[in-house]
Amino acid sequence: MTYPYSRGGGGMSARKSEEIEQLPGRRSAELIELREKYVTHALGIVCPSFIERAEGEFLTDVDGNRYIDMASGIGVNALGNRHPAVLDAVRGQLDRYLHLCFGVVYFEEYVRLAERLARLTPGDFDKRSYLNNSGSEAVENAFKVARYYTKRPKIVSFSNAFYGRTMYALALTGKDAPYKQGFEPFPAEVIHTAYPYCYRCPCGKERESCSLECFDEIYRLVNDVSNRSRIASVIFEPMQGEGGYVVPPEEYVKELSKLCTDKSVVLIDDEIQTGFGRTGKMYCAEHFGWSRT
């Protein structure tokens, strides 16, 4: 493996490439033995090394090897590792209190964050936030809200979509492997349809000459007599993540929004992987002109 950055705890400057003879290193290999003994094997791994410290875009493992962090904590570290502003905020919070539950007692930071999110979310309407621990919880709660609001049972999801690993989020996920195998049966109220993927068109068309045949499928689905007045929501990733980083055609997204509005179906915009500036706007859906995300 070519290793273009310096080892050890020195500066960030690049130096002549070095060769890592073996991964994991000796100390990481020792810790892996403990991991094998005490940690469930249900947790997979991408890089078989134990990280000791991080700075900016770099990670350093317990053997002194340094890596460029291309995962960002699966999107969590949007500002990089140990950003000074983040560290100052964390230290200041720890000096005041460590943890409170908003369902037990109020605290100002929760309200201020909700206020900030309302300002950042486009659209001239009242906005309220409920903060969750994970994407799966956000998806589950979004569907609960849609069901409660519409009094309807069904939800439409898309092929190759990924919504999480809790049971309903897993049911909505459109990939059997590696997520869903062995966990059947799933709720029958979940309906899957093809995601608009122009490079590998589910209808066998070419983008330059198609008539948006992929939209016809979800249009028929929503208007089918067995589903009419029974679909609570459609959950949609404005750009698929786990499904291959697929960008849908703009016309499809606009037609989907119009269809859901016309049929009083709640359109859930899943921005777990694409939100908070990762596509150049606060929400990816803004690229398609959506104002209620």
Protein backbone atom coordinates (compact mmCIF):
# COMPACT_ATOMS: atom_id res chain seq x y z
CA MET A 1 0.00 0.00 0.00
CA THR A 2 1.50 3.34 -1.00
CA TYR A 3 1.52 5.73 1.90
CA PRO A 4 2.03 9.37 0.84
CA TYR A 5 2.06 11.04 4.26
CA SER A 6 4.49 11.09 7.17
CA ARG A 7 4.18 8.61 10.01
CA GLY A 8 4.08 9.40 13.67
CA GLY A 9 2.84 12.51 15.43
CA GLY A 10 4.69 15.17 13.44
CA GLY A 11 3.29 17.90 11.23
CA MET A 12 0.79 17.59 8.43
CA SER A 13 3.21 18.18 5.57
CA ALA A 14 3.53 15.55 2.86
CA ARG A 15 6.84 13.77 2.42
CA LYS A 16 8.21 11.13 0.10
CA SER A 17 5.88 8.13 -0.12
CA GLU A 18 6.54 5.31 2.31
CA GLU A 19 5.40 1.71 2.10
CA ILE A 20 3.20 0.09 4.73
CA GLU A 21 4.37 -3.49 4.74
CA GLN A 22 1.36 -4.94 6.51
CA LEU A 23 -2.08 -3.94 7.73
CA PRO A 24 -3.10 -4.24 10.44
CA GLY A 25 0.05 -3.35 12.34
CA ARG A 26 1.33 -5.23 15.38
CA ARG A 27 -0.58 -3.23 18.03
CA SER A 28 -3.80 -3.21 15.96
CA ALA A 29 -3.47 -6.98 15.49
CA GLU A 30 -3.28 -7.44 19.27
CA LEU A 31 -6.41 -5.33 19.76
CA ILE A 32 -8.22 -7.25 17.01
CA GLU A 33 -7.72 -10.42 19.05
CA LEU A 34 -9.58 -8.74 21.92
CA ARG A 35 -12.23 -7.51 19.52
CA GLU A 36 -12.79 -11.05 18.23
CA LYS A 37 -13.25 -12.29 21.77
CA TYR A 38 -15.47 -9.59 23.25
CA VAL A 39 -17.29 -7.75 20.42
CA THR A 40 -20.15 -9.21 18.38
CA HIS A 41 -19.20 -10.34 14.89
CA ALA A 42 -22.33 -8.63 13.56
CA LEU A 43 -20.27 -5.44 13.27
CA GLY A 44 -18.33 -5.36 10.01
CA ILE A 45 -15.17 -3.36 9.35
CA VAL A 46 -13.72 -1.44 6.40
CA CYS A 47 -10.23 -0.64 7.66
CA PRO A 48 -8.75 -3.24 10.08
CA SER A 49 -6.75 -0.75 12.17
CA PHE A 50 -7.34 0.85 15.56
CA ILE A 51 -7.28 4.65 15.47
CA GLU A 52 -5.49 6.41 18.32
CA ARG A 53 -5.98 10.05 17.37
CA ALA A 54 -7.34 12.30 14.63
CA GLU A 55 -6.68 15.78 13.34
CA GLY A 56 -8.45 17.53 10.47
CA GLU A 57 -8.65 15.08 7.57
CA PHE A 58 -6.07 12.68 9.03
CA LEU A 59 -6.34 9.60 11.24
CA THR A 60 -3.40 8.01 13.06
CA ASP A 61 -3.57 4.41 14.22
CA VAL A 62 -1.95 2.79 17.25
CA ASP A 63 1.00 1.69 15.11
CA GLY A 64 1.73 5.22 13.90
CA ASN A 65 0.29 4.82 10.39
CA ARG A 66 -1.61 7.85 9.08
CA TYR A 67 -4.62 7.79 6.78
CA ILE A 68 -6.71 10.32 4.91
CA ASP A 69 -10.19 10.14 6.45
CA MET A 70 -12.55 9.64 3.50
CA ALA A 71 -15.46 8.45 5.66
CA SER A 72 -15.85 11.41 8.05
CA GLY A 73 -17.44 9.19 10.69
CA ILE A 74 -20.05 8.21 8.06
CA GLY A 75 -20.86 11.86 7.48
CA VAL A 76 -20.81 13.02 11.10
CA ASN A 77 -17.50 14.90 11.01
CA ALA A 78 -18.50 17.44 8.38
CA LEU A 79 -15.92 19.89 9.73
CA GLY A 80 -13.17 17.30 9.99
CA ASN A 81 -11.70 15.79 13.13
CA ARG A 82 -11.21 17.92 16.25
CA HIS A 83 -12.15 21.23 14.64
CA PRO A 84 -11.22 24.00 17.15
CA ALA A 85 -14.70 25.52 17.11
CA VAL A 86 -16.28 22.14 17.84
CA LEU A 87 -13.81 21.43 20.64
CA ASP A 88 -14.52 24.82 22.24
CA ALA A 89 -18.26 24.20 22.09
CA VAL A 90 -17.91 20.71 23.62
CA ARG A 91 -15.63 21.95 26.43
CA GLY A 92 -18.01 24.79 27.20
CA GLN A 93 -20.95 22.44 27.37
CA LEU A 94 -19.13 19.96 29.62
CA ASP A 95 -18.38 22.79 32.03
CA ARG A 96 -22.12 23.47 32.36
CA TYR A 97 -23.74 20.00 32.36
CA LEU A 98 -23.17 16.65 30.66
CA HIS A 99 -26.63 15.36 29.78
CA LEU A 100 -30.29 16.29 30.13
CA CYS A 101 -33.42 14.73 28.62
CA PHE A 102 -35.73 17.23 26.90
CA GLY A 103 -38.69 14.99 27.72
CA VAL A 104 -37.95 15.48 31.42
CA VAL A 105 -36.68 19.05 31.69
CA TYR A 106 -36.17 21.84 29.15
CA PHE A 107 -32.75 23.18 28.16
CA GLU A 108 -31.99 26.11 25.90
CA GLU A 109 -29.67 24.41 23.39
CA TYR A 110 -32.45 22.16 22.09
CA VAL A 111 -34.70 25.13 21.38
CA ARG A 112 -31.92 27.20 19.83
CA LEU A 113 -30.97 24.35 17.49
CA ALA A 114 -34.61 23.93 16.41
CA GLU A 115 -34.76 27.68 15.80
CA ARG A 116 -31.62 27.52 13.67
CA LEU A 117 -32.95 24.59 11.64
CA ALA A 118 -36.17 26.50 10.99
CA ARG A 119 -34.18 29.44 9.61
CA LEU A 120 -32.08 27.19 7.40
CA THR A 121 -35.03 25.21 6.00
CA PRO A 122 -36.56 26.87 2.91
CA GLY A 123 -40.25 27.67 2.62
CA ASP A 124 -42.65 30.18 4.16
CA PHE A 125 -44.46 28.00 6.70
CA ASP A 126 -44.22 27.05 10.35
CA LYS A 127 -41.36 24.63 11.03
CA ARG A 128 -40.81 22.46 14.08
CA SER A 129 -38.09 19.93 14.82
CA TYR A 130 -37.82 16.68 16.72
CA LEU A 131 -34.23 15.57 17.27
CA ASN A 132 -33.30 11.89 17.01
CA ASN A 133 -30.23 9.79 17.70
CA SER A 134 -30.01 8.14 14.27
CA GLY A 135 -31.29 8.08 10.72
CA SER A 136 -33.33 4.95 11.41
CA GLU A 137 -35.19 6.71 14.22
CA ALA A 138 -35.82 9.73 12.00
CA VAL A 139 -37.29 7.50 9.28
CA GLU A 140 -39.47 5.56 11.73
CA ASN A 141 -40.82 8.75 13.27
CA ALA A 142 -41.44 10.40 9.89
CA PHE A 143 -43.60 7.44 8.86
CA LYS A 144 -45.43 7.52 12.20
CA VAL A 145 -46.24 11.19 11.64
CA ALA A 146 -47.43 10.49 8.07
CA ARG A 147 -49.68 7.67 9.24
CA TYR A 148 -51.10 9.67 12.11
CA TYR A 149 -51.73 12.69 9.89
CA THR A 150 -53.31 10.86 6.93
CA LYS A 151 -54.94 7.96 8.82
CA ARG A 152 -53.65 5.69 6.03
CA PRO A 153 -51.48 2.56 6.41
CA LYS A 154 -49.19 2.23 3.36
CA ILE A 155 -45.85 3.73 2.37
CA VAL A 156 -44.01 3.67 -0.96
CA SER A 157 -40.24 3.23 -1.08
CA PHE A 158 -37.72 2.66 -3.88
CA SER A 159 -35.43 -0.03 -5.19
CA ASN A 160 -31.86 0.06 -3.86
CA ALA A 161 -32.86 2.58 -1.19
CA PHE A 162 -31.35 2.40 2.28
CA TYR A 163 -33.26 3.74 5.30
CA GLY A 164 -31.72 1.98 8.29
CA ARG A 165 -31.58 -1.27 10.25
CA THR A 166 -34.55 -1.05 12.62
CA MET A 167 -37.39 -3.27 11.43
CA TYR A 168 -39.58 -0.70 9.64
CA ALA A 169 -36.60 1.17 8.24
CA LEU A 170 -35.28 -2.20 7.09
CA ALA A 171 -38.62 -2.98 5.45
CA LEU A 172 -38.37 0.30 3.53
CA THR A 173 -34.83 -0.49 2.42
CA GLY A 174 -34.77 -1.64 -1.19
CA LYS A 175 -31.68 -3.88 -1.09
CA ASP A 176 -31.98 -7.46 0.15
CA ALA A 177 -28.24 -8.05 0.48
CA PRO A 178 -26.57 -7.43 2.80
CA TYR A 179 -29.24 -5.80 4.96
CA LYS A 180 -32.49 -7.76 4.87
CA GLN A 181 -31.56 -11.41 4.47
CA GLY A 182 -32.66 -13.53 7.40
CA PHE A 183 -34.99 -10.94 8.95
CA GLU A 184 -38.22 -11.66 7.07
CA PRO A 185 -41.17 -11.26 7.15
CA PHE A 186 -41.51 -7.50 6.78
CA PRO A 187 -44.67 -5.37 7.05
CA ALA A 188 -46.97 -5.83 4.06
CA GLU A 189 -47.85 -2.12 4.01
CA VAL A 190 -44.49 -1.29 2.38
CA ILE A 191 -44.53 -1.06 -1.43
CA HIS A 192 -41.35 -0.79 -3.52
CA THR A 193 -41.04 0.82 -6.93
CA ALA A 194 -38.12 1.51 -9.26
CA TYR A 195 -35.84 4.45 -8.51
CA PRO A 196 -35.19 6.72 -11.53
CA TYR A 197 -31.70 5.68 -12.59
CA CYS A 198 -30.89 7.02 -16.04
CA TYR A 199 -27.54 5.24 -16.40
CA ARG A 200 -29.18 1.85 -15.81
CA CYS A 201 -32.75 2.72 -16.72
CA PRO A 202 -35.28 0.32 -15.13
CA CYS A 203 -37.41 0.75 -18.25
CA GLY A 204 -34.59 0.13 -20.73
CA LYS A 205 -34.74 3.65 -22.16
CA GLU A 206 -32.13 6.25 -23.09
CA ARG A 207 -32.26 9.54 -21.20
CA GLU A 208 -32.19 11.68 -24.35
CA SER A 209 -35.28 10.04 -25.84
CA CYS A 210 -37.31 8.75 -22.87
CA SER A 211 -40.71 10.07 -21.84
CA LEU A 212 -40.14 9.57 -18.12
CA GLU A 213 -41.56 6.03 -18.26
CA CYS A 214 -40.08 5.37 -14.81
CA PHE A 215 -42.55 7.89 -13.36
CA ASP A 216 -45.47 6.04 -14.96
CA GLU A 217 -44.89 3.15 -12.54
CA ILE A 218 -45.28 5.17 -9.36
CA TYR A 219 -48.14 7.13 -10.93
CA ARG A 220 -50.03 3.88 -11.58
CA LEU A 221 -49.11 2.64 -8.12
CA VAL A 222 -50.52 5.66 -6.31
CA ASN A 223 -53.66 5.67 -8.45
CA ASP A 224 -54.29 1.92 -8.34
CA VAL A 225 -57.72 1.07 -6.96
CA SER A 226 -56.22 -1.14 -4.22
CA ASN A 227 -53.96 1.69 -3.02
CA ARG A 228 -56.18 4.71 -3.59
CA SER A 229 -56.75 6.53 -0.30
CA ARG A 230 -54.50 4.00 1.48
CA ILE A 231 -51.03 5.41 0.80
CA ALA A 232 -49.88 7.61 3.65
CA SER A 233 -46.50 8.62 2.28
CA VAL A 234 -43.73 8.24 -0.26
CA ILE A 235 -40.19 8.26 1.15
CA PHE A 236 -37.59 9.47 -1.33
CA GLU A 237 -33.85 10.08 -1.34
CA PRO A 238 -33.17 13.12 -3.58
CA MET A 239 -29.88 11.37 -4.35
CA GLN A 240 -29.45 7.73 -3.45
CA GLY A 241 -26.50 6.97 -1.20
CA GLU A 242 -26.13 3.25 -0.48
CA GLY A 243 -27.89 2.60 -3.79
CA GLY A 244 -24.87 3.86 -5.74
CA TYR A 245 -24.97 7.68 -5.47
CA VAL A 246 -27.65 7.98 -8.10
CA VAL A 247 -28.94 11.42 -9.10
CA PRO A 248 -32.54 11.32 -10.41
CA PRO A 249 -33.69 13.46 -13.35
CA GLU A 250 -35.09 16.80 -12.25
CA GLU A 251 -38.37 16.24 -14.11
CA TYR A 252 -39.04 13.07 -12.12
CA VAL A 253 -38.56 14.79 -8.78
CA LYS A 254 -40.87 17.64 -9.73
CA GLU A 255 -43.54 15.26 -11.02
CA LEU A 256 -43.29 13.18 -7.86
CA SER A 257 -43.79 16.26 -5.71
CA LYS A 258 -46.83 17.28 -7.74
CA LEU A 259 -48.31 13.76 -7.59
CA CYS A 260 -48.00 13.60 -3.81
CA THR A 261 -49.54 17.05 -3.42
CA ASP A 262 -52.47 16.20 -5.72
CA LYS A 263 -53.17 12.94 -3.86
CA SER A 264 -52.59 14.35 -0.35
CA VAL A 265 -49.73 11.89 0.15
CA VAL A 266 -46.97 12.95 2.55
CA LEU A 267 -43.66 13.15 0.68
CA ILE A 268 -40.79 12.34 3.08
CA ASP A 269 -37.48 13.82 1.95
CA ASP A 270 -34.68 11.62 3.31
CA GLU A 271 -31.63 13.87 3.64
CA ILE A 272 -29.70 11.67 6.07
CA GLN A 273 -26.77 11.32 3.67
CA THR A 274 -27.31 14.39 1.48
CA GLY A 275 -28.37 17.13 3.90
CA PHE A 276 -26.46 19.85 5.73
CA GLY A 277 -24.50 21.19 2.79
CA ARG A 278 -23.10 17.96 1.39
CA THR A 279 -24.41 18.74 -2.11
CA GLY A 280 -23.76 22.50 -2.05
CA LYS A 281 -27.13 23.48 -0.59
CA MET A 282 -28.51 22.95 2.89
CA TYR A 283 -30.78 20.21 1.53
CA CYS A 284 -30.27 18.27 -1.70
CA ALA A 285 -33.97 18.67 -2.52
CA GLU A 286 -33.39 22.39 -2.98
CA HIS A 287 -31.60 21.58 -6.25
CA PHE A 288 -34.99 20.41 -7.54
CA GLY A 289 -36.95 23.41 -6.32
CA TRP A 290 -38.55 21.77 -3.29
CA SER A 291 -39.43 24.24 -0.56
CA ARG A 292 -41.09 21.93 2.01
CA THR A 293 -38.44 19.44 3.11
